[in-house]
């Protein structure tokens, strides 16, 4: 079948790499893609939110399967756009409807959903300018730290963990009155702080059944030892050592199964990935957030670890066979480390030449997935803050991390930085 992948990051590179291995794959198109995705298909320069041009491409190229990488097109209703047009209604679009995508698009929506279905999550309250004064009073009465979240999509930057009441009050004002995150912070959710270790679990659903396709631990902070500013993710490991059968049984029975049941009971149209952002609080899992797509850089470890044919798995969401699929994983341990531009997550230079990608990728058990890259005069250059990830597998996590660092030592661009301690608490 012909496939269209929407997006341009490391997640989409990993998707193209994995899907190209399937005997069911025909021509693969990536919109807009990057130099890495070009190895596995045809990049098409269409923005991720240009639904009209994406639909024209899908019709022209006889696309049968669309995989939506980023959250923005999902929240804006790309599933509905394709499914409501007779010319494209038969295409299997992997992603929820716009209404179901509010599980990621609105923190308040997801909190209400979890409350309705008794899914464990932090206590919370929500505020707008209309009840601003009540929000100030609420913050002053809360134990520290205090978590403030912009209700809408804020490119991964809409979460503040305030260590003092004054910091929380200032952040509350900046979000609501000063519109720090634009429309995304027109409503602010204030949450109880959960103490524990953050992990991610990924499932695929047809809206009725589900399959768990992987889990990972992501490292968000820019600095080693989990210090400094939050980023979009500096690396991941999978499997996570403490996520044993007992913990996963709790995740499945207390969180995943009730979520899918809730989606079904509320009539939400959902055919795609569900990302469960969890906190392990003394062996008990709590939901921090839902995402309606695969994460980045988690995708770069869970897809290499997944043995099951991904295209067959995605097709099963459309033909009613998802519950019958056998999910198999490689026995090795996987680690991925993100190389970022100097200055990230603040300001950074772009269009810096990158060397050594092919050398690193030629090493055994190494995959280089490009994220913020582009072409300039036939040279691969930096285009974003998070530039590329290097993934390795080995019998032990320590060996996997060593392999990654060896590969990263071969790659160079001006100001390149990466964390050398991914997986540190398990080594």
Protein backbone atom coordinates (compact mmCIF):
# COMPACT_ATOMS: atom_id res chain seq x y z
CA UNK A 1 0.00 0.00 0.00
CA UNK A 2 1.11 3.58 -0.59
CA UNK A 3 1.76 5.51 2.61
CA UNK A 4 1.85 9.19 3.58
CA UNK A 5 3.69 10.24 6.76
CA UNK A 6 3.00 13.78 7.95
CA UNK A 7 5.80 15.58 9.81
CA UNK A 8 9.47 16.48 9.58
CA UNK A 9 11.24 15.30 12.75
CA UNK A 10 13.10 12.37 14.22
CA UNK A 11 9.79 10.65 14.94
CA UNK A 12 8.87 10.76 11.25
CA UNK A 13 12.34 9.55 10.22
CA UNK A 14 11.93 6.57 12.58
CA UNK A 15 8.43 5.90 11.22
CA UNK A 16 9.67 5.96 7.61
CA UNK A 17 12.58 3.66 8.51
CA UNK A 18 10.30 1.17 10.27
CA UNK A 19 7.52 1.20 7.68
CA UNK A 20 9.93 0.76 4.78
CA UNK A 21 10.84 -2.65 6.26
CA UNK A 22 7.28 -3.96 5.78
CA UNK A 23 6.38 -6.22 2.89
CA UNK A 24 3.07 -4.33 2.77
CA UNK A 25 4.71 -0.97 2.04
CA UNK A 26 4.46 0.45 -1.45
CA UNK A 27 5.56 4.00 -2.16
CA UNK A 28 6.20 6.12 0.95
CA UNK A 29 5.72 9.90 0.91
CA UNK A 30 6.71 12.25 3.74
CA UNK A 31 5.30 15.77 4.03
CA UNK A 32 7.43 17.75 4.42
CA UNK A 33 10.11 15.31 5.66
CA UNK A 34 13.82 15.92 6.15
CA UNK A 35 17.12 14.63 4.66
CA UNK A 36 16.83 11.46 6.75
CA UNK A 37 13.31 10.54 5.62
CA UNK A 38 14.40 11.01 1.99
CA UNK A 39 16.34 7.74 2.27
CA UNK A 40 13.11 5.77 2.71
CA UNK A 41 10.62 7.64 0.56
CA UNK A 42 9.82 10.83 -1.31
CA UNK A 43 9.74 14.12 0.55
CA UNK A 44 6.96 16.45 -0.54
CA UNK A 45 7.20 20.15 0.49
CA UNK A 46 3.69 20.48 1.95
CA UNK A 47 3.20 22.05 5.42
CA UNK A 48 1.64 19.79 8.05
CA UNK A 49 -1.46 22.01 8.34
CA UNK A 50 -2.13 22.43 4.59
CA UNK A 51 -4.94 19.89 4.55
CA UNK A 52 -6.10 20.80 1.04
CA UNK A 53 -2.70 20.09 -0.52
CA UNK A 54 -2.25 16.94 1.56
CA UNK A 55 -5.61 15.67 0.34
CA UNK A 56 -4.70 16.40 -3.29
CA UNK A 57 -1.44 14.51 -2.82
CA UNK A 58 -3.24 11.55 -1.22
CA UNK A 59 -5.65 11.31 -4.15
CA UNK A 60 -2.93 11.73 -6.77
CA UNK A 61 -0.63 9.09 -5.24
CA UNK A 62 -3.37 6.59 -4.33
CA UNK A 63 -2.51 6.77 -0.65
CA UNK A 64 -4.14 4.05 1.49
CA UNK A 65 -2.53 4.79 4.86
CA UNK A 66 -1.75 8.16 6.50
CA UNK A 67 0.28 8.39 9.70
CA UNK A 68 0.11 11.79 11.40
CA UNK A 69 3.26 12.53 13.41
CA UNK A 70 2.74 15.92 15.18
CA UNK A 71 -0.15 16.95 17.41
CA UNK A 72 -1.12 20.16 15.61
CA UNK A 73 -2.84 18.59 12.57
CA UNK A 74 -4.72 16.17 14.85
CA UNK A 75 -6.09 18.92 17.09
CA UNK A 76 -7.00 20.93 13.98
CA UNK A 77 -9.08 18.02 12.67
CA UNK A 78 -7.11 16.32 9.90
CA UNK A 79 -8.86 13.02 10.61
CA UNK A 80 -12.28 14.63 10.16
CA UNK A 81 -11.12 16.47 7.02
CA UNK A 82 -10.22 13.23 5.28
CA UNK A 83 -13.01 11.03 6.66
CA UNK A 84 -15.79 13.50 5.78
CA UNK A 85 -14.84 13.66 2.09
CA UNK A 86 -16.06 10.69 -0.02
CA UNK A 87 -12.91 10.98 -2.16
CA UNK A 88 -10.66 10.21 0.83
CA UNK A 89 -12.97 8.52 3.35
CA UNK A 90 -11.52 5.07 2.61
CA UNK A 91 -7.97 6.12 3.58
CA UNK A 92 -6.85 4.70 6.93
CA UNK A 93 -5.82 7.85 8.83
CA UNK A 94 -3.86 7.00 11.99
CA UNK A 95 -4.98 9.65 14.44
CA UNK A 96 -8.07 10.61 16.46
CA UNK A 97 -10.89 12.92 15.47
CA UNK A 98 -10.58 16.57 16.51
CA UNK A 99 -12.92 15.98 19.46
CA UNK A 100 -10.94 12.97 20.70
CA UNK A 101 -7.66 14.86 20.15
CA UNK A 102 -8.76 17.22 22.91
CA UNK A 103 -7.30 14.60 25.23
CA UNK A 104 -4.01 16.25 24.27
CA UNK A 105 -5.26 19.60 23.01
CA UNK A 106 -6.90 20.63 26.29
CA UNK A 107 -5.51 19.85 29.74
CA UNK A 108 -8.91 20.63 31.25
CA UNK A 109 -10.70 18.26 28.85
CA UNK A 110 -8.30 15.42 29.70
CA UNK A 111 -8.61 16.07 33.44
CA UNK A 112 -12.41 15.97 33.27
CA UNK A 113 -12.17 12.75 31.21
CA UNK A 114 -9.91 11.10 33.80
CA UNK A 115 -12.19 12.22 36.60
CA UNK A 116 -15.26 10.75 34.85
CA UNK A 117 -13.55 7.39 34.38
CA UNK A 118 -11.74 7.15 37.75
CA UNK A 119 -8.29 7.18 36.16
CA UNK A 120 -5.54 8.02 38.70
CA UNK A 121 -4.17 11.54 38.22
CA UNK A 122 -3.06 14.53 40.29
CA UNK A 123 -5.66 16.70 42.00
CA UNK A 124 -6.36 19.93 40.10
CA UNK A 125 -8.38 23.10 39.57
CA UNK A 126 -8.78 25.27 36.47
CA UNK A 127 -8.99 29.04 36.12
CA UNK A 128 -9.56 31.75 33.51
CA UNK A 129 -9.53 35.55 33.70
CA UNK A 130 -13.14 35.35 34.87
CA UNK A 131 -12.15 33.69 38.16
CA UNK A 132 -8.61 35.06 38.33
CA UNK A 133 -8.85 36.22 41.96
CA UNK A 134 -10.08 32.79 43.03
CA UNK A 135 -7.01 31.35 41.32
CA UNK A 136 -4.71 33.57 43.38
CA UNK A 137 -6.39 32.42 46.57
CA UNK A 138 -6.22 28.77 45.48
CA UNK A 139 -2.48 29.00 44.71
CA UNK A 140 -1.74 30.55 48.10
CA UNK A 141 -3.43 27.62 49.85
CA UNK A 142 -1.58 24.86 47.97
CA UNK A 143 1.41 22.86 49.23
CA UNK A 144 4.70 23.28 47.34
CA UNK A 145 5.79 22.69 44.64
CA UNK A 146 2.83 23.78 42.48
CA UNK A 147 2.34 22.74 38.85
CA UNK A 148 0.77 25.24 36.41
CA UNK A 149 -0.20 24.13 32.91
CA UNK A 150 -1.45 26.13 29.94
CA UNK A 151 -4.67 24.40 28.89
CA UNK A 152 -3.88 24.28 25.15
CA UNK A 153 -0.95 23.29 22.97
CA UNK A 154 2.17 25.32 23.79
CA UNK A 155 4.87 23.40 21.89
CA UNK A 156 5.88 21.51 25.03
CA UNK A 157 6.62 24.73 26.94
CA UNK A 158 3.35 25.35 28.75
CA UNK A 159 4.20 23.64 32.06
CA UNK A 160 5.68 25.46 35.06
CA UNK A 161 6.76 23.74 38.28
CA UNK A 162 6.85 26.55 40.84
CA UNK A 163 8.99 26.00 43.95
CA UNK A 164 7.55 29.00 45.85
CA UNK A 165 4.09 30.54 46.12
CA UNK A 166 5.42 33.83 44.72
CA UNK A 167 6.82 32.04 41.66
CA UNK A 168 3.46 30.33 41.15
CA UNK A 169 1.55 33.61 41.47
CA UNK A 170 3.91 35.32 38.99
CA UNK A 171 3.60 32.45 36.49
CA UNK A 172 -0.19 32.47 36.87
CA UNK A 173 -0.27 36.19 36.02
CA UNK A 174 2.10 35.75 33.05
CA UNK A 175 0.00 32.93 31.65
CA UNK A 176 -3.45 34.46 32.05
CA UNK A 177 -3.03 38.24 32.08
CA UNK A 178 0.11 38.57 29.95
CA UNK A 179 -0.94 35.75 27.56
CA UNK A 180 2.50 34.13 27.82
CA UNK A 181 1.41 31.22 25.62
CA UNK A 182 -1.24 33.06 23.63
CA UNK A 183 -4.61 31.37 23.34
CA UNK A 184 -3.12 28.19 24.86
CA UNK A 185 -2.99 29.88 28.28
CA UNK A 186 -6.42 31.51 28.21
CA UNK A 187 -7.24 28.76 30.70
CA UNK A 188 -4.72 27.50 33.28
CA UNK A 189 -4.84 24.14 35.06
CA UNK A 190 -3.21 24.08 38.50
CA UNK A 191 -2.17 20.62 39.65
CA UNK A 192 -0.91 18.83 42.72
CA UNK A 193 2.79 18.01 42.35
CA UNK A 194 3.43 14.27 42.05
CA UNK A 195 6.73 12.98 43.45
CA UNK A 196 8.21 10.10 41.47
CA UNK A 197 9.81 8.98 38.21
CA UNK A 198 8.24 10.02 34.92
CA UNK A 199 7.76 7.35 32.24
CA UNK A 200 5.80 6.92 29.02
CA UNK A 201 3.68 4.03 27.73
CA UNK A 202 2.45 3.78 24.15
CA UNK A 203 -0.64 1.99 22.92
CA UNK A 204 -2.37 1.66 19.57
CA UNK A 205 -6.18 1.59 19.53
CA UNK A 206 -9.04 1.25 17.06
CA UNK A 207 -11.35 2.92 19.58
CA UNK A 208 -12.48 -0.41 21.03
CA UNK A 209 -9.40 -2.57 21.48
CA UNK A 210 -5.76 -1.73 22.07
CA UNK A 211 -2.25 -3.12 21.98
CA UNK A 212 0.69 -1.85 24.06
CA UNK A 213 3.55 -1.24 21.62
CA UNK A 214 6.27 0.00 23.96
CA UNK A 215 7.39 2.10 26.90
CA UNK A 216 10.32 4.41 27.61
CA UNK A 217 11.84 6.86 30.03
CA UNK A 218 12.49 10.30 28.52
CA UNK A 219 15.01 12.80 29.91
CA UNK A 220 13.63 16.33 29.59
CA UNK A 221 16.22 18.57 31.24
CA UNK A 222 19.04 20.10 29.20
CA UNK A 223 21.71 19.46 31.85
CA UNK A 224 23.25 16.27 33.14
CA UNK A 225 21.80 14.96 36.37
CA UNK A 226 18.42 16.32 35.22
CA UNK A 227 19.34 19.95 35.78
CA UNK A 228 18.58 23.14 33.85
CA UNK A 229 15.72 24.06 31.57
CA UNK A 230 13.11 21.68 30.19
CA UNK A 231 13.48 20.64 26.55
CA UNK A 232 11.50 18.58 24.08
CA UNK A 233 13.55 15.57 25.22
CA UNK A 234 17.29 14.84 25.37
CA UNK A 235 17.20 11.06 25.18
CA UNK A 236 15.39 7.86 26.17
CA UNK A 237 15.88 4.30 27.33
CA UNK A 238 13.68 1.25 26.75
CA UNK A 239 12.74 -1.04 28.38
CA UNK A 240 12.72 0.80 31.70
CA UNK A 241 14.19 -1.45 34.42
CA UNK A 242 11.54 -0.81 37.08
CA UNK A 243 8.61 -1.27 34.68
CA UNK A 244 8.19 -4.94 35.54
CA UNK A 245 5.15 -7.17 35.03
CA UNK A 246 3.47 -5.96 38.24
CA UNK A 247 3.86 -2.26 37.41
CA UNK A 248 2.69 -2.78 33.81
CA UNK A 249 -0.31 -4.76 35.05
CA UNK A 250 -1.30 -1.74 37.18
CA UNK A 251 -0.80 0.59 34.19
CA UNK A 252 -2.97 -1.59 32.01
CA UNK A 253 -5.80 -2.28 34.45
CA UNK A 254 -5.94 1.15 36.16
CA UNK A 255 -5.11 3.45 33.25
CA UNK A 256 -5.02 2.02 29.72
CA UNK A 257 -8.12 -0.19 29.83
CA UNK A 258 -10.31 2.50 31.52
CA UNK A 259 -9.07 5.10 29.01
CA UNK A 260 -10.02 3.01 25.98
CA UNK A 261 -13.33 2.08 27.63
CA UNK A 262 -13.98 5.77 28.30
CA UNK A 263 -13.22 6.67 24.67
CA UNK A 264 -15.72 4.04 23.55
CA UNK A 265 -18.43 5.00 26.07
CA UNK A 266 -18.20 8.68 25.15
CA UNK A 267 -18.44 7.95 21.43
CA UNK A 268 -15.06 9.49 20.64
CA UNK A 269 -13.67 8.48 17.26
CA UNK A 270 -10.14 7.36 17.97
CA UNK A 271 -7.99 5.23 15.69
CA UNK A 272 -4.32 5.73 16.41
CA UNK A 273 -1.61 6.03 19.02
CA UNK A 274 -2.20 6.93 22.66
CA UNK A 275 0.77 8.23 24.63
CA UNK A 276 0.33 7.85 28.37
CA UNK A 277 2.66 10.23 30.23
CA UNK A 278 2.87 8.65 33.68
CA UNK A 279 4.42 9.24 37.07
CA UNK A 280 5.56 6.22 39.05
CA UNK A 281 4.79 7.27 42.61
CA UNK A 282 6.17 4.52 44.85
CA UNK A 283 5.08 1.78 42.48
CA UNK A 284 1.67 3.31 41.69
CA UNK A 285 1.14 4.86 38.22
CA UNK A 286 -0.62 8.21 37.79
CA UNK A 287 -1.43 9.97 34.51
CA UNK A 288 0.35 13.29 33.98
CA UNK A 289 -0.88 13.77 30.44
CA UNK A 290 -2.22 12.12 27.31
CA UNK A 291 -0.70 12.64 23.87
CA UNK A 292 -2.60 11.56 20.77
CA UNK A 293 0.48 10.52 18.81
CA UNK A 294 3.92 9.05 19.28
CA UNK A 295 6.44 11.05 21.29
CA UNK A 296 9.83 12.31 20.18
CA UNK A 297 12.47 11.04 21.02
CA UNK A 298 10.58 8.05 22.50
CA UNK A 299 9.67 6.86 19.00
CA UNK A 300 13.37 6.45 18.25
CA UNK A 301 13.68 3.73 20.93
CA UNK A 302 10.27 2.04 20.89
CA UNK A 303 10.14 1.42 17.12
CA UNK A 304 13.61 -0.20 16.93
CA UNK A 305 12.62 -2.37 19.91
CA UNK A 306 9.28 -3.38 18.33
CA UNK A 307 9.64 -6.56 16.25
CA UNK A 308 6.06 -6.64 14.95
CA UNK A 309 5.51 -5.33 11.41
CA UNK A 310 4.31 -1.75 11.96
CA UNK A 311 2.34 -1.44 8.71
CA UNK A 312 0.43 -4.66 9.46
CA UNK A 313 -0.23 -3.36 12.96
CA UNK A 314 -1.61 -0.06 11.65
CA UNK A 315 -3.72 -1.87 9.06
CA UNK A 316 -5.26 -3.89 11.89
CA UNK A 317 -6.81 -0.70 13.31
CA UNK A 318 -8.91 -0.53 10.14
CA UNK A 319 -9.87 -4.13 9.51
CA UNK A 320 -11.02 -5.20 12.97
CA UNK A 321 -8.10 -7.51 13.77
CA UNK A 322 -6.13 -5.37 16.23
CA UNK A 323 -6.93 -7.50 19.27
CA UNK A 324 -5.58 -10.59 17.46
CA UNK A 325 -2.14 -9.16 16.62
CA UNK A 326 0.84 -10.66 18.46
CA UNK A 327 3.16 -7.92 19.70
CA UNK A 328 6.81 -9.00 19.87
CA UNK A 329 9.83 -7.08 21.14
CA UNK A 330 13.56 -7.47 20.66
CA UNK A 331 15.24 -8.71 23.84
CA UNK A 332 18.00 -6.07 23.73
CA UNK A 333 18.06 -2.81 25.65
CA UNK A 334 17.77 0.39 23.60
CA UNK A 335 19.08 3.89 24.29
CA UNK A 336 18.79 7.04 22.22
CA UNK A 337 20.57 10.36 22.79
CA UNK A 338 19.64 13.70 21.22
CA UNK A 339 22.30 16.01 19.79
CA UNK A 340 21.14 19.63 20.03
CA UNK A 341 22.25 23.04 18.83
CA UNK A 342 24.39 25.20 21.11
CA UNK A 343 22.12 27.51 23.11
CA UNK A 344 19.05 25.23 22.92
CA UNK A 345 16.42 25.43 24.44
CA UNK A 346 17.14 29.17 24.16
CA UNK A 347 18.28 30.88 20.96
CA UNK A 348 20.61 29.02 18.61
CA UNK A 349 22.17 29.26 15.17
CA UNK A 350 20.77 27.46 12.12
CA UNK A 351 22.20 26.27 8.78
CA UNK A 352 25.39 24.88 10.31
CA UNK A 353 26.95 22.04 8.26
CA UNK A 354 26.77 18.55 9.83
CA UNK A 355 29.46 15.94 9.15
CA UNK A 356 29.87 12.29 10.11
CA UNK A 357 26.27 11.06 9.92
CA UNK A 358 27.08 8.31 7.41
CA UNK A 359 30.15 7.22 9.42
CA UNK A 360 28.13 6.91 12.61
CA UNK A 361 25.22 5.15 10.88
CA UNK A 362 27.62 2.54 9.47
CA UNK A 363 28.46 1.27 12.97
CA UNK A 364 26.75 -2.00 13.97
CA UNK A 365 23.45 -1.67 15.89
CA UNK A 366 23.40 2.12 15.35
CA UNK A 367 20.57 4.19 13.88
CA UNK A 368 20.87 7.92 13.26
CA UNK A 369 17.46 9.61 13.07
CA UNK A 370 17.44 13.19 11.79
CA UNK A 371 15.14 15.72 13.45
CA UNK A 372 16.02 19.40 12.93
CA UNK A 373 17.97 19.06 9.69
CA UNK A 374 17.68 20.32 6.13
CA UNK A 375 19.52 20.50 2.82
CA UNK A 376 21.58 23.52 1.79
CA UNK A 377 23.66 23.28 -1.39
CA UNK A 378 23.62 19.46 -1.16
CA UNK A 379 24.94 19.59 2.41
CA UNK A 380 22.97 18.47 5.47
CA UNK A 381 22.68 21.43 7.86
CA UNK A 382 21.03 22.20 11.19
CA UNK A 383 17.50 23.61 11.06
CA UNK A 384 16.27 23.21 14.63
CA UNK A 385 17.24 23.05 18.27
CA UNK A 386 17.01 19.28 18.49
CA UNK A 387 19.08 18.20 15.49
CA UNK A 388 19.33 14.40 15.52
CA UNK A 389 19.15 11.31 17.71
CA UNK A 390 21.47 8.33 17.78
CA UNK A 391 19.92 5.02 18.88
CA UNK A 392 21.74 1.83 19.80
CA UNK A 393 20.83 -1.60 21.13
CA UNK A 394 22.92 -3.92 23.29
CA UNK A 395 22.63 -6.65 25.89
CA UNK A 396 22.91 -4.07 28.66
CA UNK A 397 21.94 -0.43 29.00
CA UNK A 398 25.51 0.52 29.83
CA UNK A 399 26.75 -1.02 26.55
CA UNK A 400 23.97 0.68 24.56
CA UNK A 401 24.89 4.09 25.99
CA UNK A 402 28.60 3.51 25.24
CA UNK A 403 27.75 2.59 21.62
CA UNK A 404 25.66 5.76 21.26
CA UNK A 405 28.45 7.96 22.59
CA UNK A 406 30.96 6.36 20.19
CA UNK A 407 28.63 7.13 17.27
CA UNK A 408 28.01 10.69 18.47
CA UNK A 409 31.78 11.29 18.64
CA UNK A 410 31.85 10.84 14.85
CA UNK A 411 29.17 13.48 14.21
CA UNK A 412 30.06 17.15 14.30
CA UNK A 413 28.46 20.54 13.87
CA UNK A 414 29.38 23.83 15.49
CA UNK A 415 28.08 24.09 19.06
CA UNK A 416 26.81 20.48 19.15
CA UNK A 417 25.81 19.33 22.63
CA UNK A 418 24.40 16.10 24.05
CA UNK A 419 23.86 14.65 27.50
CA UNK A 420 26.36 11.94 28.43
CA UNK A 421 24.28 10.54 31.29
CA UNK A 422 21.08 9.25 29.64
CA UNK A 423 19.92 6.29 31.74
CA UNK A 424 22.24 7.35 34.57
CA UNK A 425 20.01 6.19 37.44
CA UNK A 426 19.93 2.65 36.03
CA UNK A 427 23.64 2.29 35.22
